[in-house]
PDB file of all heavy atoms in Angstrom:
ATOM      1  N   THR A   1       2.089  87.157 132.277  1.00  0.00           N
ATOM      2  CA  THR A   1       3.055  86.356 131.520  1.00  0.00           C
ATOM      3  C   THR A   1       3.391  85.061 132.249  1.00  0.00           C
ATOM      4  O   THR A   1       3.515  83.994 131.635  1.00  0.00           O
ATOM      5  CB  THR A   1       4.335  87.165 131.270  1.00  0.00           C
ATOM      6  OG1 THR A   1       4.012  88.323 130.480  1.00  0.00           O
ATOM      7  CG2 THR A   1       5.387  86.339 130.541  1.00  0.00           C
ATOM      8  N   GLU A   2       3.538  85.130 133.567  1.00  0.00           N
ATOM      9  CA  GLU A   2       3.872  83.945 134.361  1.00  0.00           C
ATOM     10  C   GLU A   2       2.792  82.872 134.247  1.00  0.00           C
ATOM     11  O   GLU A   2       3.079  81.674 134.289  1.00  0.00           O
ATOM     12  CB  GLU A   2       4.053  84.344 135.824  1.00  0.00           C
ATOM     13  CG  GLU A   2       4.500  83.204 136.718  1.00  0.00           C
ATOM     14  CD  GLU A   2       4.722  83.641 138.160  1.00  0.00           C
ATOM     15  OE1 GLU A   2       4.443  84.811 138.491  1.00  0.00           O
ATOM     16  OE2 GLU A   2       5.177  82.798 138.960  1.00  0.00           O
ATOM     17  N   ARG A   3       1.537  83.295 134.066  1.00  0.00           N
ATOM     18  CA  ARG A   3       0.415  82.353 134.048  1.00  0.00           C
ATOM     19  C   ARG A   3      -0.090  82.041 132.647  1.00  0.00           C
ATOM     20  O   ARG A   3      -0.892  81.133 132.460  1.00  0.00           O
ATOM     21  CB  ARG A   3      -0.739  82.923 134.889  1.00  0.00           C
ATOM     22  CG  ARG A   3      -0.418  83.004 136.377  1.00  0.00           C
ATOM     23  CD  ARG A   3      -1.340  83.963 137.112  1.00  0.00           C
ATOM     24  NE  ARG A   3      -1.077  83.951 138.558  1.00  0.00           N
ATOM     25  CZ  ARG A   3      -0.069  84.610 139.127  1.00  0.00           C
ATOM     26  NH1 ARG A   3       0.762  85.325 138.366  1.00  0.00           N
ATOM     27  NH2 ARG A   3       0.106  84.553 140.435  1.00  0.00           N
ATOM     28  N   SER A   4       0.364  82.785 131.659  1.00  0.00           N
ATOM     29  CA  SER A   4      -0.176  82.661 130.308  1.00  0.00           C
ATOM     30  C   SER A   4       0.278  81.374 129.619  1.00  0.00           C
ATOM     31  O   SER A   4       1.462  81.016 129.670  1.00  0.00           O
ATOM     32  CB  SER A   4       0.257  83.860 129.453  1.00  0.00           C
ATOM     33  OG  SER A   4      -0.125  83.672 128.102  1.00  0.00           O
ATOM     34  N   PRO A   5      -0.632  80.677 128.942  1.00  0.00           N
ATOM     35  CA  PRO A   5      -0.245  79.503 128.162  1.00  0.00           C
ATOM     36  C   PRO A   5       0.353  79.870 126.803  1.00  0.00           C
ATOM     37  O   PRO A   5       0.811  78.995 126.070  1.00  0.00           O
ATOM     38  CB  PRO A   5      -1.573  78.761 127.988  1.00  0.00           C
ATOM     39  CG  PRO A   5      -2.600  79.848 127.963  1.00  0.00           C
ATOM     40  CD  PRO A   5      -2.101  80.886 128.934  1.00  0.00           C
ATOM     41  N   LEU A   6       0.340  81.177 126.475  1.00  0.00           N
ATOM     42  CA  LEU A   6       0.900  81.661 125.215  1.00  0.00           C
ATOM     43  C   LEU A   6       1.982  82.696 125.502  1.00  0.00           C
ATOM     44  O   LEU A   6       1.926  83.392 126.522  1.00  0.00           O
ATOM     45  CB  LEU A   6      -0.198  82.320 124.359  1.00  0.00           C
ATOM     46  CG  LEU A   6      -1.343  81.425 123.887  1.00  0.00           C
ATOM     47  CD1 LEU A   6      -2.388  82.269 123.159  1.00  0.00           C
ATOM     48  CD2 LEU A   6      -0.829  80.322 122.988  1.00  0.00           C
ATOM     49  N   PRO A   7       2.983  82.833 124.624  1.00  0.00           N
ATOM     50  CA  PRO A   7       3.980  83.894 124.809  1.00  0.00           C
ATOM     51  C   PRO A   7       3.333  85.270 124.723  1.00  0.00           C
ATOM     52  O   PRO A   7       2.457  85.503 123.893  1.00  0.00           O
ATOM     53  CB  PRO A   7       4.975  83.660 123.665  1.00  0.00           C
ATOM     54  CG  PRO A   7       4.238  82.836 122.660  1.00  0.00           C
ATOM     55  CD  PRO A   7       3.251  82.011 123.427  1.00  0.00           C
ATOM     56  N   VAL A   8       3.770  86.161 125.616  1.00  0.00           N
ATOM     57  CA  VAL A   8       3.233  87.520 125.686  1.00  0.00           C
ATOM     58  C   VAL A   8       4.356  88.496 125.331  1.00  0.00           C
ATOM     59  O   VAL A   8       5.403  88.504 125.981  1.00  0.00           O
ATOM     60  CB  VAL A   8       2.675  87.827 127.086  1.00  0.00           C
ATOM     61  CG1 VAL A   8       2.125  89.254 127.137  1.00  0.00           C
ATOM     62  CG2 VAL A   8       1.598  86.816 127.470  1.00  0.00           C
ATOM     63  N   PHE A   9       4.113  89.307 124.303  1.00  0.00           N
ATOM     64  CA  PHE A   9       5.140  90.214 123.800  1.00  0.00           C
ATOM     65  C   PHE A   9       4.866  91.661 124.186  1.00  0.00           C
ATOM     66  O   PHE A   9       3.712  92.099 124.227  1.00  0.00           O
ATOM     67  CB  PHE A   9       5.236  90.118 122.268  1.00  0.00           C
ATOM     68  CG  PHE A   9       6.094  88.992 121.790  1.00  0.00           C
ATOM     69  CD1 PHE A   9       5.665  87.676 121.908  1.00  0.00           C
ATOM     70  CD2 PHE A   9       7.340  89.230 121.243  1.00  0.00           C
ATOM     71  CE1 PHE A   9       6.451  86.626 121.481  1.00  0.00           C
ATOM     72  CE2 PHE A   9       8.142  88.188 120.806  1.00  0.00           C
ATOM     73  CZ  PHE A   9       7.701  86.883 120.924  1.00  0.00           C
ATOM     74  N   ALA A  10       5.949  92.403 124.424  1.00  0.00           N
ATOM     75  CA  ALA A  10       5.863  93.837 124.686  1.00  0.00           C
ATOM     76  C   ALA A  10       5.972  94.603 123.379  1.00  0.00           C
ATOM     77  O   ALA A  10       6.854  94.337 122.568  1.00  0.00           O
ATOM     78  CB  ALA A  10       6.987  94.271 125.625  1.00  0.00           C
ATOM     79  N   ASP A  11       5.069  95.551 123.186  1.00  0.00           N
ATOM     80  CA  ASP A  11       5.181  96.486 122.069  1.00  0.00           C
ATOM     81  C   ASP A  11       5.231  97.907 122.613  1.00  0.00           C
ATOM     82  O   ASP A  11       6.300  98.503 122.731  1.00  0.00           O
ATOM     83  CB  ASP A  11       4.026  96.313 121.092  1.00  0.00           C
ATOM     84  CG  ASP A  11       4.176  97.196 119.847  1.00  0.00           C
ATOM     85  OD1 ASP A  11       5.203  97.902 119.739  1.00  0.00           O
ATOM     86  OD2 ASP A  11       3.291  97.186 118.987  1.00  0.00           O
ATOM     87  N   GLU A  12       4.086  98.444 123.012  1.00  0.00           N
ATOM     88  CA  GLU A  12       4.087  99.800 123.557  1.00  0.00           C
ATOM     89  C   GLU A  12       4.916  99.922 124.836  1.00  0.00           C
ATOM     90  O   GLU A  12       5.434 100.993 125.149  1.00  0.00           O
ATOM     91  CB  GLU A  12       2.651 100.272 123.822  1.00  0.00           C
ATOM     92  CG  GLU A  12       1.867 100.615 122.566  1.00  0.00           C
ATOM     93  CD  GLU A  12       1.153  99.424 121.959  1.00  0.00           C
ATOM     94  OE1 GLU A  12       1.443  98.266 122.365  1.00  0.00           O
ATOM     95  OE2 GLU A  12       0.300  99.622 121.084  1.00  0.00           O
ATOM     96  N   SER A  13       5.058  98.839 125.591  1.00  0.00           N
ATOM     97  CA  SER A  13       5.882  98.859 126.813  1.00  0.00           C
ATOM     98  C   SER A  13       7.369  98.889 126.504  1.00  0.00           C
ATOM     99  O   SER A  13       8.186  99.144 127.407  1.00  0.00           O
ATOM    100  CB  SER A  13       5.589  97.626 127.681  1.00  0.00           C
ATOM    101  OG  SER A  13       4.288  97.648 128.198  1.00  0.00           O
ATOM    102  N   PHE A  14       7.718  98.615 125.272  1.00  0.00           N
ATOM    103  CA  PHE A  14       9.127  98.465 124.900  1.00  0.00           C
ATOM    104  C   PHE A  14       9.495  99.467 123.812  1.00  0.00           C
ATOM    105  O   PHE A  14       8.795  99.592 122.811  1.00  0.00           O
ATOM    106  CB  PHE A  14       9.398  97.043 124.402  1.00  0.00           C
ATOM    107  CG  PHE A  14      10.769  96.863 123.827  1.00  0.00           C
ATOM    108  CD1 PHE A  14      11.867  96.795 124.669  1.00  0.00           C
ATOM    109  CD2 PHE A  14      10.966  96.792 122.462  1.00  0.00           C
ATOM    110  CE1 PHE A  14      13.140  96.651 124.148  1.00  0.00           C
ATOM    111  CE2 PHE A  14      12.230  96.644 121.933  1.00  0.00           C
ATOM    112  CZ  PHE A  14      13.321  96.582 122.775  1.00  0.00           C
ATOM    113  N   GLN A  15      10.606 100.153 124.013  1.00  0.00           N
ATOM    114  CA  GLN A  15      11.063 101.128 123.029  1.00  0.00           C
ATOM    115  C   GLN A  15      12.502 100.848 122.571  1.00  0.00           C
ATOM    116  O   GLN A  15      12.727 100.511 121.431  1.00  0.00           O
ATOM    117  CB  GLN A  15      10.981 102.553 123.614  1.00  0.00           C
ATOM    118  CG  GLN A  15       9.603 102.973 124.074  1.00  0.00           C
ATOM    119  CD  GLN A  15       8.613 103.110 122.940  1.00  0.00           C
ATOM    120  OE1 GLN A  15       8.941 103.635 121.885  1.00  0.00           O
ATOM    121  NE2 GLN A  15       7.394 102.624 123.144  1.00  0.00           N
ATOM    122  N   ARG A  16      13.447 100.969 123.536  1.00  0.00           N
ATOM    123  CA  ARG A  16      14.848 100.996 123.139  1.00  0.00           C
ATOM    124  C   ARG A  16      15.691  99.976 123.913  1.00  0.00           C
ATOM    125  O   ARG A  16      15.194  99.228 124.761  1.00  0.00           O
ATOM    126  CB  ARG A  16      15.398 102.410 123.328  1.00  0.00           C
ATOM    127  CG  ARG A  16      14.652 103.452 122.504  1.00  0.00           C
ATOM    128  CD  ARG A  16      15.403 104.757 122.409  1.00  0.00           C
ATOM    129  NE  ARG A  16      16.714 104.583 121.794  1.00  0.00           N
ATOM    130  CZ  ARG A  16      17.565 105.591 121.564  1.00  0.00           C
ATOM    131  NH1 ARG A  16      17.228 106.833 121.894  1.00  0.00           N
ATOM    132  NH2 ARG A  16      18.742 105.363 121.018  1.00  0.00           N
ATOM    133  N   LEU A  17      16.971  99.966 123.615  1.00  0.00           N
ATOM    134  CA  LEU A  17      17.904  98.990 124.177  1.00  0.00           C
ATOM    135  C   LEU A  17      17.861  98.950 125.699  1.00  0.00           C
ATOM    136  O   LEU A  17      17.911  97.879 126.306  1.00  0.00           O
ATOM    137  CB  LEU A  17      19.325  99.318 123.693  1.00  0.00           C
ATOM    138  CG  LEU A  17      20.472  98.448 124.205  1.00  0.00           C
ATOM    139  CD1 LEU A  17      20.294  97.010 123.745  1.00  0.00           C
ATOM    140  CD2 LEU A  17      21.809  99.000 123.721  1.00  0.00           C
ATOM    141  N   THR A  18      17.771 100.099 126.340  1.00  0.00           N
ATOM    142  CA  THR A  18      17.787 100.152 127.797  1.00  0.00           C
ATOM    143  C   THR A  18      16.556  99.516 128.432  1.00  0.00           C
ATOM    144  O   THR A  18      16.534  99.277 129.646  1.00  0.00           O
ATOM    145  CB  THR A  18      17.901 101.615 128.281  1.00  0.00           C
ATOM    146  OG1 THR A  18      16.868 102.397 127.657  1.00  0.00           O
ATOM    147  CG2 THR A  18      19.260 102.194 127.927  1.00  0.00           C
ATOM    148  N   ASP A  19      15.524  99.224 127.632  1.00  0.00           N
ATOM    149  CA  ASP A  19      14.313  98.604 128.160  1.00  0.00           C
ATOM    150  C   ASP A  19      14.398  97.083 128.243  1.00  0.00           C
ATOM    151  O   ASP A  19      13.578  96.459 128.931  1.00  0.00           O
ATOM    152  CB  ASP A  19      13.101  98.954 127.274  1.00  0.00           C
ATOM    153  CG  ASP A  19      12.775 100.433 127.300  1.00  0.00           C
ATOM    154  OD1 ASP A  19      12.969 101.064 128.347  1.00  0.00           O
ATOM    155  OD2 ASP A  19      12.318 100.955 126.255  1.00  0.00           O
ATOM    156  N   VAL A  20      15.349  96.485 127.554  1.00  0.00           N
ATOM    157  CA  VAL A  20      15.333  95.028 127.418  1.00  0.00           C
ATOM    158  C   VAL A  20      15.413  94.331 128.769  1.00  0.00           C
ATOM    159  O   VAL A  20      14.551  93.514 129.120  1.00  0.00           O
ATOM    160  CB  VAL A  20      16.478  94.532 126.501  1.00  0.00           C
ATOM    161  CG1 VAL A  20      16.472  93.007 126.438  1.00  0.00           C
ATOM    162  CG2 VAL A  20      16.339  95.117 125.107  1.00  0.00           C
ATOM    163  N   LEU A  21      16.421  94.638 129.561  1.00  0.00           N
ATOM    164  CA  LEU A  21      16.631  93.903 130.800  1.00  0.00           C
ATOM    165  C   LEU A  21      15.564  94.202 131.844  1.00  0.00           C
ATOM    166  O   LEU A  21      15.228  93.331 132.656  1.00  0.00           O
ATOM    167  CB  LEU A  21      18.027  94.191 131.355  1.00  0.00           C
ATOM    168  CG  LEU A  21      19.189  93.653 130.502  1.00  0.00           C
ATOM    169  CD1 LEU A  21      20.516  93.930 131.164  1.00  0.00           C
ATOM    170  CD2 LEU A  21      19.025  92.159 130.229  1.00  0.00           C
ATOM    171  N   ARG A  22      15.012  95.402 131.845  1.00  0.00           N
ATOM    172  CA  ARG A  22      13.963  95.679 132.835  1.00  0.00           C
ATOM    173  C   ARG A  22      12.668  94.944 132.507  1.00  0.00           C
ATOM    174  O   ARG A  22      11.789  94.810 133.366  1.00  0.00           O
ATOM    175  CB  ARG A  22      13.715  97.189 132.959  1.00  0.00           C
ATOM    176  CG  ARG A  22      12.935  97.830 131.847  1.00  0.00           C
ATOM    177  CD  ARG A  22      12.741  99.317 132.072  1.00  0.00           C
ATOM    178  NE  ARG A  22      11.997  99.914 130.963  1.00  0.00           N
ATOM    179  CZ  ARG A  22      10.667  99.962 130.907  1.00  0.00           C
ATOM    180  NH1 ARG A  22       9.937  99.477 131.894  1.00  0.00           N
ATOM    181  NH2 ARG A  22      10.071 100.518 129.872  1.00  0.00           N
ATOM    182  N   LEU A  23      12.543  94.442 131.272  1.00  0.00           N
ATOM    183  CA  LEU A  23      11.346  93.697 130.888  1.00  0.00           C
ATOM    184  C   LEU A  23      11.550  92.192 130.937  1.00  0.00           C
ATOM    185  O   LEU A  23      10.637  91.429 130.653  1.00  0.00           O
ATOM    186  CB  LEU A  23      10.891  94.116 129.484  1.00  0.00           C
ATOM    187  CG  LEU A  23      10.438  95.571 129.339  1.00  0.00           C
ATOM    188  CD1 LEU A  23       9.960  95.844 127.917  1.00  0.00           C
ATOM    189  CD2 LEU A  23       9.341  95.917 130.343  1.00  0.00           C
ATOM    190  N   LYS A  24      12.762  91.771 131.297  1.00  0.00           N
ATOM    191  CA  LYS A  24      13.013  90.356 131.493  1.00  0.00           C
ATOM    192  C   LYS A  24      12.141  89.850 132.638  1.00  0.00           C
ATOM    193  O   LYS A  24      12.144  90.402 133.738  1.00  0.00           O
ATOM    194  CB  LYS A  24      14.498  90.124 131.814  1.00  0.00           C
ATOM    195  CG  LYS A  24      14.831  88.717 132.292  1.00  0.00           C
ATOM    196  CD  LYS A  24      14.652  87.682 131.200  1.00  0.00           C
ATOM    197  CE  LYS A  24      15.049  86.298 131.701  1.00  0.00           C
ATOM    198  NZ  LYS A  24      14.846  85.254 130.674  1.00  0.00           N
TER     199      LYS A  24
END
């Protein structure tokens, strides 16, 4: 994500509310 020229989205890595900040 740090090097990508395009936005990179989480799908399978992301489930619920408690996941948001750890994926920041």
